[in-house]
């Protein structure tokens, strides 16, 4: 009888400890801020931060301002705009966002899980080597950040480490792309890193992948054959093109295609 009573007491104690471990800490945000969108959960479910802290500096650590927390609201038009901009700027030609894209640079799902809005905005405004410069205003930046955060909730940002690309200042051009295309274009390649030296023409990162804009024609994706036809004489494809023909030997064409090839990618057929 004594043993049974002891075991029952231990079981009750373990249940109480387990319940206490899973219980939410008190939400002290409400001591300073009026509640809103209660259906979305607690303050930290949308804004992050530390709701158990009473000191402002600790409670606001990692806090998302309201304009950057819109991604938590179902059907938000700001998020839809952000997703459209991610497609318009073709961010997935280099990055994975929402579980989709090429792994030429850091996963934006991991960035959304680890970086603050200020850090993301700074990275867009002062892009890394090989990244296009986007001249966009505050409203578009807010939409893009929300789109990235929303994608991060779908793409499981911590499931894979981003590919690391090392950039090196080169002397004389020693690769085919830089010699033949680099005077007008840039490229972030899987094999050789950042190539090219000019933004006069479009950035060609991910050109032959499903994540590059379909602009070989109206809604037409780029393929090796379409690219070869374009290089042979751009004006047979677009009569008013300013680009001159680029004469390449068979060996040079093969090397160019190797440079443009991206193997680490998530194509539409495998999208989650």
C-alpha atoms as a PDB file:
ATOM      1  CA  UNK A   1       0.000   0.000   0.000  1.00  0.00           C
ATOM      2  CA  UNK A   2       2.826   2.364   0.877  1.00  0.00           C
ATOM      3  CA  UNK A   3       4.622   1.522  -2.379  1.00  0.00           C
ATOM      4  CA  UNK A   4       1.464   2.116  -4.410  1.00  0.00           C
ATOM      5  CA  UNK A   5       0.905   5.494  -2.757  1.00  0.00           C
ATOM      6  CA  UNK A   6       4.534   6.454  -3.414  1.00  0.00           C
ATOM      7  CA  UNK A   7       4.330   5.482  -7.090  1.00  0.00           C
ATOM      8  CA  UNK A   8       1.068   7.396  -7.501  1.00  0.00           C
ATOM      9  CA  UNK A   9       2.644  10.501  -5.968  1.00  0.00           C
ATOM     10  CA  UNK A  10       5.636  10.241  -8.315  1.00  0.00           C
ATOM     11  CA  UNK A  11       3.327   9.889 -11.319  1.00  0.00           C
ATOM     12  CA  UNK A  12       1.318  12.971 -10.314  1.00  0.00           C
ATOM     13  CA  UNK A  13       4.557  14.923  -9.810  1.00  0.00           C
ATOM     14  CA  UNK A  14       5.864  13.925 -13.257  1.00  0.00           C
ATOM     15  CA  UNK A  15       2.583  14.984 -14.906  1.00  0.00           C
ATOM     16  CA  UNK A  16       2.751  18.334 -13.136  1.00  0.00           C
ATOM     17  CA  UNK A  17       6.381  18.872 -14.196  1.00  0.00           C
ATOM     18  CA  UNK A  18       5.583  17.970 -17.813  1.00  0.00           C
ATOM     19  CA  UNK A  19       2.616  20.333 -17.841  1.00  0.00           C
ATOM     20  CA  UNK A  20       4.743  23.114 -16.428  1.00  0.00           C
ATOM     21  CA  UNK A  21       7.449  22.513 -19.048  1.00  0.00           C
ATOM     22  CA  UNK A  22       4.991  22.948 -21.917  1.00  0.00           C
ATOM     23  CA  UNK A  23       3.033  25.867 -20.457  1.00  0.00           C
ATOM     24  CA  UNK A  24       3.627  29.266 -22.046  1.00  0.00           C
ATOM     25  CA  UNK A  25       5.397  31.896 -19.962  1.00  0.00           C
ATOM     26  CA  UNK A  26       3.297  34.948 -19.071  1.00  0.00           C
ATOM     27  CA  UNK A  27       2.927  37.348 -22.005  1.00  0.00           C
ATOM     28  CA  UNK A  28       4.265  40.557 -20.510  1.00  0.00           C
ATOM     29  CA  UNK A  29       3.988  42.411 -23.830  1.00  0.00           C
ATOM     30  CA  UNK A  30       0.390  43.236 -22.895  1.00  0.00           C
ATOM     31  CA  UNK A  31       1.575  45.327 -19.975  1.00  0.00           C
ATOM     32  CA  UNK A  32       2.697  47.975 -22.502  1.00  0.00           C
ATOM     33  CA  UNK A  33       0.928  47.131 -25.761  1.00  0.00           C
ATOM     34  CA  UNK A  34      -2.814  46.761 -26.451  1.00  0.00           C
ATOM     35  CA  UNK A  35      -3.699  43.363 -27.956  1.00  0.00           C
ATOM     36  CA  UNK A  36      -4.698  42.959 -31.587  1.00  0.00           C
ATOM     37  CA  UNK A  37      -5.191  39.998 -33.947  1.00  0.00           C
ATOM     38  CA  UNK A  38      -5.799  37.718 -30.959  1.00  0.00           C
ATOM     39  CA  UNK A  39      -6.756  34.918 -33.334  1.00  0.00           C
ATOM     40  CA  UNK A  40      -3.103  34.737 -34.458  1.00  0.00           C
ATOM     41  CA  UNK A  41      -1.910  33.701 -31.000  1.00  0.00           C
ATOM     42  CA  UNK A  42       0.462  35.489 -28.677  1.00  0.00           C
ATOM     43  CA  UNK A  43       2.461  38.630 -29.464  1.00  0.00           C
ATOM     44  CA  UNK A  44       5.653  36.636 -30.078  1.00  0.00           C
ATOM     45  CA  UNK A  45       3.932  34.358 -32.593  1.00  0.00           C
ATOM     46  CA  UNK A  46       3.915  37.317 -34.993  1.00  0.00           C
ATOM     47  CA  UNK A  47       6.493  39.772 -33.685  1.00  0.00           C
ATOM     48  CA  UNK A  48       9.049  37.397 -32.097  1.00  0.00           C
ATOM     49  CA  UNK A  49      10.888  39.050 -29.192  1.00  0.00           C
ATOM     50  CA  UNK A  50      10.836  37.686 -25.632  1.00  0.00           C
ATOM     51  CA  UNK A  51       7.339  37.913 -24.093  1.00  0.00           C
ATOM     52  CA  UNK A  52       8.522  36.617 -20.711  1.00  0.00           C
ATOM     53  CA  UNK A  53      10.931  39.513 -20.137  1.00  0.00           C
ATOM     54  CA  UNK A  54       9.977  42.644 -18.232  1.00  0.00           C
ATOM     55  CA  UNK A  55      12.991  44.681 -19.360  1.00  0.00           C
ATOM     56  CA  UNK A  56      12.356  46.432 -22.675  1.00  0.00           C
ATOM     57  CA  UNK A  57      15.856  45.799 -24.070  1.00  0.00           C
ATOM     58  CA  UNK A  58      15.429  42.057 -23.535  1.00  0.00           C
ATOM     59  CA  UNK A  59      11.738  41.869 -24.480  1.00  0.00           C
ATOM     60  CA  UNK A  60      12.423  43.636 -27.791  1.00  0.00           C
ATOM     61  CA  UNK A  61      15.477  41.563 -28.771  1.00  0.00           C
ATOM     62  CA  UNK A  62      14.852  40.221 -32.289  1.00  0.00           C
ATOM     63  CA  UNK A  63      11.508  42.025 -32.435  1.00  0.00           C
ATOM     64  CA  UNK A  64       9.718  42.357 -35.786  1.00  0.00           C
ATOM     65  CA  UNK A  65       8.047  45.725 -36.293  1.00  0.00           C
ATOM     66  CA  UNK A  66       4.430  45.562 -37.387  1.00  0.00           C
ATOM     67  CA  UNK A  67       5.143  46.293 -41.062  1.00  0.00           C
ATOM     68  CA  UNK A  68       7.487  43.296 -41.196  1.00  0.00           C
ATOM     69  CA  UNK A  69       5.134  40.924 -39.345  1.00  0.00           C
ATOM     70  CA  UNK A  70       2.316  41.103 -41.911  1.00  0.00           C
ATOM     71  CA  UNK A  71       3.434  37.734 -43.315  1.00  0.00           C
ATOM     72  CA  UNK A  72       1.664  36.049 -40.382  1.00  0.00           C
ATOM     73  CA  UNK A  73      -1.768  37.315 -41.513  1.00  0.00           C
ATOM     74  CA  UNK A  74      -3.586  34.913 -43.880  1.00  0.00           C
ATOM     75  CA  UNK A  75      -4.210  36.326 -47.351  1.00  0.00           C
ATOM     76  CA  UNK A  76      -2.153  39.463 -46.774  1.00  0.00           C
ATOM     77  CA  UNK A  77      -1.926  41.604 -49.953  1.00  0.00           C
ATOM     78  CA  UNK A  78       1.528  42.742 -48.807  1.00  0.00           C
ATOM     79  CA  UNK A  79       2.753  39.134 -48.843  1.00  0.00           C
ATOM     80  CA  UNK A  80       1.217  38.545 -52.277  1.00  0.00           C
ATOM     81  CA  UNK A  81       3.023  41.649 -53.549  1.00  0.00           C
ATOM     82  CA  UNK A  82       6.275  40.404 -52.004  1.00  0.00           C
ATOM     83  CA  UNK A  83       5.914  37.032 -53.726  1.00  0.00           C
ATOM     84  CA  UNK A  84       5.276  38.765 -57.064  1.00  0.00           C
ATOM     85  CA  UNK A  85       8.410  40.858 -56.586  1.00  0.00           C
ATOM     86  CA  UNK A  86      10.483  37.758 -55.766  1.00  0.00           C
ATOM     87  CA  UNK A  87       9.374  36.341 -59.104  1.00  0.00           C
ATOM     88  CA  UNK A  88       9.848  39.655 -60.944  1.00  0.00           C
ATOM     89  CA  UNK A  89      13.397  40.064 -59.644  1.00  0.00           C
ATOM     90  CA  UNK A  90      14.074  36.330 -60.222  1.00  0.00           C
ATOM     91  CA  UNK A  91      15.588  35.880 -56.757  1.00  0.00           C
ATOM     92  CA  UNK A  92      15.306  32.085 -57.053  1.00  0.00           C
ATOM     93  CA  UNK A  93      17.811  31.979 -59.929  1.00  0.00           C
ATOM     94  CA  UNK A  94      20.464  32.157 -57.170  1.00  0.00           C
ATOM     95  CA  UNK A  95      18.605  31.520 -53.893  1.00  0.00           C
ATOM     96  CA  UNK A  96      16.156  29.052 -52.408  1.00  0.00           C
ATOM     97  CA  UNK A  97      12.991  30.733 -51.097  1.00  0.00           C
ATOM     98  CA  UNK A  98       9.905  28.853 -49.958  1.00  0.00           C
ATOM     99  CA  UNK A  99      11.772  25.609 -50.659  1.00  0.00           C
ATOM    100  CA  UNK A 100      12.316  26.490 -54.350  1.00  0.00           C
ATOM    101  CA  UNK A 101      15.273  27.802 -56.289  1.00  0.00           C
ATOM    102  CA  UNK A 102      18.933  27.351 -57.230  1.00  0.00           C
ATOM    103  CA  UNK A 103      21.541  26.901 -54.515  1.00  0.00           C
ATOM    104  CA  UNK A 104      24.111  29.305 -55.949  1.00  0.00           C
ATOM    105  CA  UNK A 105      24.016  31.587 -52.903  1.00  0.00           C
ATOM    106  CA  UNK A 106      22.649  31.577 -49.354  1.00  0.00           C
ATOM    107  CA  UNK A 107      19.218  30.035 -48.746  1.00  0.00           C
ATOM    108  CA  UNK A 108      16.740  32.860 -48.210  1.00  0.00           C
ATOM    109  CA  UNK A 109      14.689  30.522 -46.032  1.00  0.00           C
ATOM    110  CA  UNK A 110      17.643  30.295 -43.641  1.00  0.00           C
ATOM    111  CA  UNK A 111      18.169  34.063 -43.891  1.00  0.00           C
ATOM    112  CA  UNK A 112      14.516  34.655 -42.957  1.00  0.00           C
ATOM    113  CA  UNK A 113      14.910  32.418 -39.916  1.00  0.00           C
ATOM    114  CA  UNK A 114      18.131  34.034 -38.704  1.00  0.00           C
ATOM    115  CA  UNK A 115      18.288  37.660 -39.882  1.00  0.00           C
ATOM    116  CA  UNK A 116      16.454  40.804 -38.849  1.00  0.00           C
ATOM    117  CA  UNK A 117      14.537  42.974 -41.332  1.00  0.00           C
ATOM    118  CA  UNK A 118      17.230  45.660 -41.035  1.00  0.00           C
ATOM    119  CA  UNK A 119      19.919  43.138 -42.043  1.00  0.00           C
ATOM    120  CA  UNK A 120      17.866  41.911 -45.021  1.00  0.00           C
ATOM    121  CA  UNK A 121      17.138  45.465 -46.191  1.00  0.00           C
ATOM    122  CA  UNK A 122      20.846  46.344 -45.883  1.00  0.00           C
ATOM    123  CA  UNK A 123      21.825  43.266 -47.933  1.00  0.00           C
ATOM    124  CA  UNK A 124      19.416  44.268 -50.714  1.00  0.00           C
ATOM    125  CA  UNK A 125      20.565  47.898 -50.687  1.00  0.00           C
ATOM    126  CA  UNK A 126      24.265  47.008 -50.603  1.00  0.00           C
ATOM    127  CA  UNK A 127      24.393  43.712 -52.514  1.00  0.00           C
ATOM    128  CA  UNK A 128      27.218  41.211 -52.374  1.00  0.00           C
ATOM    129  CA  UNK A 129      29.575  40.590 -55.290  1.00  0.00           C
ATOM    130  CA  UNK A 130      27.660  39.121 -58.219  1.00  0.00           C
ATOM    131  CA  UNK A 131      24.239  40.135 -56.894  1.00  0.00           C
ATOM    132  CA  UNK A 132      22.143  42.510 -59.037  1.00  0.00           C
ATOM    133  CA  UNK A 133      21.384  45.981 -57.697  1.00  0.00           C
ATOM    134  CA  UNK A 134      17.678  46.531 -57.143  1.00  0.00           C
ATOM    135  CA  UNK A 135      16.556  50.159 -57.107  1.00  0.00           C
ATOM    136  CA  UNK A 136      13.358  49.693 -55.106  1.00  0.00           C
ATOM    137  CA  UNK A 137      11.486  51.905 -52.673  1.00  0.00           C
ATOM    138  CA  UNK A 138      10.476  51.381 -49.066  1.00  0.00           C
ATOM    139  CA  UNK A 139       7.047  49.913 -49.855  1.00  0.00           C
ATOM    140  CA  UNK A 140       8.588  47.308 -52.173  1.00  0.00           C
ATOM    141  CA  UNK A 141      11.314  46.510 -49.630  1.00  0.00           C
ATOM    142  CA  UNK A 142       8.675  45.937 -46.952  1.00  0.00           C
ATOM    143  CA  UNK A 143       6.762  43.623 -49.300  1.00  0.00           C
ATOM    144  CA  UNK A 144       9.929  41.683 -50.256  1.00  0.00           C
ATOM    145  CA  UNK A 145      10.918  41.166 -46.601  1.00  0.00           C
ATOM    146  CA  UNK A 146       7.418  39.894 -45.792  1.00  0.00           C
ATOM    147  CA  UNK A 147       7.568  37.619 -48.835  1.00  0.00           C
ATOM    148  CA  UNK A 148      10.890  36.196 -47.632  1.00  0.00           C
ATOM    149  CA  UNK A 149       9.609  35.632 -44.103  1.00  0.00           C
ATOM    150  CA  UNK A 150       6.487  33.964 -45.467  1.00  0.00           C
ATOM    151  CA  UNK A 151       8.613  31.739 -47.700  1.00  0.00           C
ATOM    152  CA  UNK A 152      10.749  30.851 -44.687  1.00  0.00           C
ATOM    153  CA  UNK A 153       7.686  29.478 -42.878  1.00  0.00           C
ATOM    154  CA  UNK A 154       7.070  27.160 -45.848  1.00  0.00           C
ATOM    155  CA  UNK A 155      10.616  26.249 -46.781  1.00  0.00           C
ATOM    156  CA  UNK A 156      11.967  25.005 -43.438  1.00  0.00           C
ATOM    157  CA  UNK A 157      14.974  27.319 -43.433  1.00  0.00           C
ATOM    158  CA  UNK A 158      17.120  25.179 -41.150  1.00  0.00           C
ATOM    159  CA  UNK A 159      16.867  21.957 -43.155  1.00  0.00           C
ATOM    160  CA  UNK A 160      19.996  22.556 -45.219  1.00  0.00           C
ATOM    161  CA  UNK A 161      23.107  24.690 -45.102  1.00  0.00           C
ATOM    162  CA  UNK A 162      23.518  27.246 -47.910  1.00  0.00           C
ATOM    163  CA  UNK A 163      26.192  26.676 -50.499  1.00  0.00           C
ATOM    164  CA  UNK A 164      29.278  28.747 -49.755  1.00  0.00           C
ATOM    165  CA  UNK A 165      30.722  30.734 -52.658  1.00  0.00           C
ATOM    166  CA  UNK A 166      34.201  32.235 -52.287  1.00  0.00           C
ATOM    167  CA  UNK A 167      34.860  35.358 -54.289  1.00  0.00           C
ATOM    168  CA  UNK A 168      38.348  36.214 -55.401  1.00  0.00           C
ATOM    169  CA  UNK A 169      39.652  39.329 -57.087  1.00  0.00           C
ATOM    170  CA  UNK A 170      40.912  38.212 -60.454  1.00  0.00           C
ATOM    171  CA  UNK A 171      43.669  39.709 -62.525  1.00  0.00           C
ATOM    172  CA  UNK A 172      43.480  39.114 -66.237  1.00  0.00           C
ATOM    173  CA  UNK A 173      40.301  37.353 -67.308  1.00  0.00           C
ATOM    174  CA  UNK A 174      41.044  33.629 -67.356  1.00  0.00           C
ATOM    175  CA  UNK A 175      37.597  32.155 -68.042  1.00  0.00           C
ATOM    176  CA  UNK A 176      35.542  32.050 -71.218  1.00  0.00           C
ATOM    177  CA  UNK A 177      32.518  33.869 -69.813  1.00  0.00           C
ATOM    178  CA  UNK A 178      34.520  36.869 -68.628  1.00  0.00           C
ATOM    179  CA  UNK A 179      36.431  37.074 -71.910  1.00  0.00           C
ATOM    180  CA  UNK A 180      33.437  36.724 -74.212  1.00  0.00           C
ATOM    181  CA  UNK A 181      30.485  38.013 -72.154  1.00  0.00           C
ATOM    182  CA  UNK A 182      31.899  39.774 -69.108  1.00  0.00           C
ATOM    183  CA  UNK A 183      32.240  43.205 -70.707  1.00  0.00           C
ATOM    184  CA  UNK A 184      28.427  43.518 -70.553  1.00  0.00           C
ATOM    185  CA  UNK A 185      27.174  40.793 -68.193  1.00  0.00           C
ATOM    186  CA  UNK A 186      27.703  39.258 -64.767  1.00  0.00           C
ATOM    187  CA  UNK A 187      27.127  35.670 -63.699  1.00  0.00           C
ATOM    188  CA  UNK A 188      27.133  33.782 -60.409  1.00  0.00           C
ATOM    189  CA  UNK A 189      28.232  30.332 -61.507  1.00  0.00           C
ATOM    190  CA  UNK A 190      28.293  27.047 -59.672  1.00  0.00           C
ATOM    191  CA  UNK A 191      31.776  26.068 -60.829  1.00  0.00           C
ATOM    192  CA  UNK A 192      33.695  29.358 -60.855  1.00  0.00           C
ATOM    193  CA  UNK A 193      31.832  31.735 -58.535  1.00  0.00           C
ATOM    194  CA  UNK A 194      31.222  35.338 -59.600  1.00  0.00           C
ATOM    195  CA  UNK A 195      32.202  36.143 -63.187  1.00  0.00           C
ATOM    196  CA  UNK A 196      31.940  39.198 -65.444  1.00  0.00           C
ATOM    197  CA  UNK A 197      32.470  42.850 -64.642  1.00  0.00           C
ATOM    198  CA  UNK A 198      29.604  44.934 -66.049  1.00  0.00           C
ATOM    199  CA  UNK A 199      25.911  45.558 -65.447  1.00  0.00           C
ATOM    200  CA  UNK A 200      25.323  46.954 -68.945  1.00  0.00           C
ATOM    201  CA  UNK A 201      23.429  43.776 -69.892  1.00  0.00           C
ATOM    202  CA  UNK A 202      21.186  41.465 -67.865  1.00  0.00           C
ATOM    203  CA  UNK A 203      22.606  39.387 -65.037  1.00  0.00           C
ATOM    204  CA  UNK A 204      22.795  35.833 -66.431  1.00  0.00           C
ATOM    205  CA  UNK A 205      22.875  33.845 -63.178  1.00  0.00           C
ATOM    206  CA  UNK A 206      20.736  30.702 -63.521  1.00  0.00           C
ATOM    207  CA  UNK A 207      20.038  31.425 -67.200  1.00  0.00           C
ATOM    208  CA  UNK A 208      19.426  27.800 -68.223  1.00  0.00           C
ATOM    209  CA  UNK A 209      17.312  26.878 -65.177  1.00  0.00           C
ATOM    210  CA  UNK A 210      13.532  27.069 -64.632  1.00  0.00           C
ATOM    211  CA  UNK A 211      14.054  29.971 -62.219  1.00  0.00           C
ATOM    212  CA  UNK A 212      15.331  32.475 -64.792  1.00  0.00           C
ATOM    213  CA  UNK A 213      12.756  34.853 -66.358  1.00  0.00           C
ATOM    214  CA  UNK A 214      11.087  33.387 -69.445  1.00  0.00           C
ATOM    215  CA  UNK A 215      12.264  36.101 -71.809  1.00  0.00           C
ATOM    216  CA  UNK A 216      13.844  34.177 -74.676  1.00  0.00           C
ATOM    217  CA  UNK A 217      10.544  35.140 -76.306  1.00  0.00           C
ATOM    218  CA  UNK A 218       7.140  36.029 -74.866  1.00  0.00           C
ATOM    219  CA  UNK A 219       6.887  33.513 -72.010  1.00  0.00           C
ATOM    220  CA  UNK A 220       9.620  31.337 -73.562  1.00  0.00           C
ATOM    221  CA  UNK A 221      12.388  29.877 -71.344  1.00  0.00           C
ATOM    222  CA  UNK A 222      16.044  29.861 -72.330  1.00  0.00           C
ATOM    223  CA  UNK A 223      17.530  26.576 -73.528  1.00  0.00           C
ATOM    224  CA  UNK A 224      20.968  25.678 -74.871  1.00  0.00           C
ATOM    225  CA  UNK A 225      19.694  25.766 -78.466  1.00  0.00           C
ATOM    226  CA  UNK A 226      17.927  29.113 -78.032  1.00  0.00           C
ATOM    227  CA  UNK A 227      21.064  30.555 -76.486  1.00  0.00           C
ATOM    228  CA  UNK A 228      23.204  29.262 -79.368  1.00  0.00           C
ATOM    229  CA  UNK A 229      20.804  30.829 -81.887  1.00  0.00           C
ATOM    230  CA  UNK A 230      20.921  34.115 -79.955  1.00  0.00           C
ATOM    231  CA  UNK A 231      24.711  34.191 -79.826  1.00  0.00           C
ATOM    232  CA  UNK A 232      25.014  33.421 -83.525  1.00  0.00           C
ATOM    233  CA  UNK A 233      22.909  36.484 -84.435  1.00  0.00           C
ATOM    234  CA  UNK A 234      20.729  38.215 -81.804  1.00  0.00           C
ATOM    235  CA  UNK A 235      18.920  40.267 -84.442  1.00  0.00           C
ATOM    236  CA  UNK A 236      17.339  37.208 -86.022  1.00  0.00           C
ATOM    237  CA  UNK A 237      15.566  36.756 -82.673  1.00  0.00           C
ATOM    238  CA  UNK A 238      15.019  40.427 -81.792  1.00  0.00           C
ATOM    239  CA  UNK A 239      15.487  42.739 -84.786  1.00  0.00           C
ATOM    240  CA  UNK A 240      16.207  45.803 -82.631  1.00  0.00           C
ATOM    241  CA  UNK A 241      18.683  44.118 -80.289  1.00  0.00           C
ATOM    242  CA  UNK A 242      21.826  46.145 -79.520  1.00  0.00           C
ATOM    243  CA  UNK A 243      23.896  43.017 -78.896  1.00  0.00           C
ATOM    244  CA  UNK A 244      26.415  41.988 -81.541  1.00  0.00           C
ATOM    245  CA  UNK A 245      26.890  38.364 -82.663  1.00  0.00           C
ATOM    246  CA  UNK A 246      29.341  36.346 -80.564  1.00  0.00           C
ATOM    247  CA  UNK A 247      31.348  33.890 -82.612  1.00  0.00           C
ATOM    248  CA  UNK A 248      32.301  30.796 -80.620  1.00  0.00           C
ATOM    249  CA  UNK A 249      33.889  27.536 -81.677  1.00  0.00           C
ATOM    250  CA  UNK A 250      32.203  24.253 -80.792  1.00  0.00           C
ATOM    251  CA  UNK A 251      34.659  23.823 -77.921  1.00  0.00           C
ATOM    252  CA  UNK A 252      33.941  27.319 -76.631  1.00  0.00           C
ATOM    253  CA  UNK A 253      30.190  26.753 -76.841  1.00  0.00           C
ATOM    254  CA  UNK A 254      30.579  23.556 -74.849  1.00  0.00           C
ATOM    255  CA  UNK A 255      32.657  25.337 -72.202  1.00  0.00           C
ATOM    256  CA  UNK A 256      30.136  28.191 -71.965  1.00  0.00           C
ATOM    257  CA  UNK A 257      27.288  25.723 -71.388  1.00  0.00           C
ATOM    258  CA  UNK A 258      29.335  24.036 -68.654  1.00  0.00           C
ATOM    259  CA  UNK A 259      29.824  27.390 -66.938  1.00  0.00           C
ATOM    260  CA  UNK A 260      26.079  28.147 -67.157  1.00  0.00           C
ATOM    261  CA  UNK A 261      24.996  24.729 -65.887  1.00  0.00           C
ATOM    262  CA  UNK A 262      23.468  24.595 -62.393  1.00  0.00           C
ATOM    263  CA  UNK A 263      23.110  21.157 -60.800  1.00  0.00           C
ATOM    264  CA  UNK A 264      22.226  22.163 -57.219  1.00  0.00           C
ATOM    265  CA  UNK A 265      18.671  23.331 -57.695  1.00  0.00           C
ATOM    266  CA  UNK A 266      15.065  22.571 -56.857  1.00  0.00           C
ATOM    267  CA  UNK A 267      13.064  22.514 -60.063  1.00  0.00           C
ATOM    268  CA  UNK A 268       9.297  23.128 -60.275  1.00  0.00           C
ATOM    269  CA  UNK A 269       8.606  19.400 -60.560  1.00  0.00           C
ATOM    270  CA  UNK A 270      10.060  18.873 -57.083  1.00  0.00           C
ATOM    271  CA  UNK A 271       8.524  21.933 -55.408  1.00  0.00           C
ATOM    272  CA  UNK A 272       6.837  21.248 -52.097  1.00  0.00           C
END
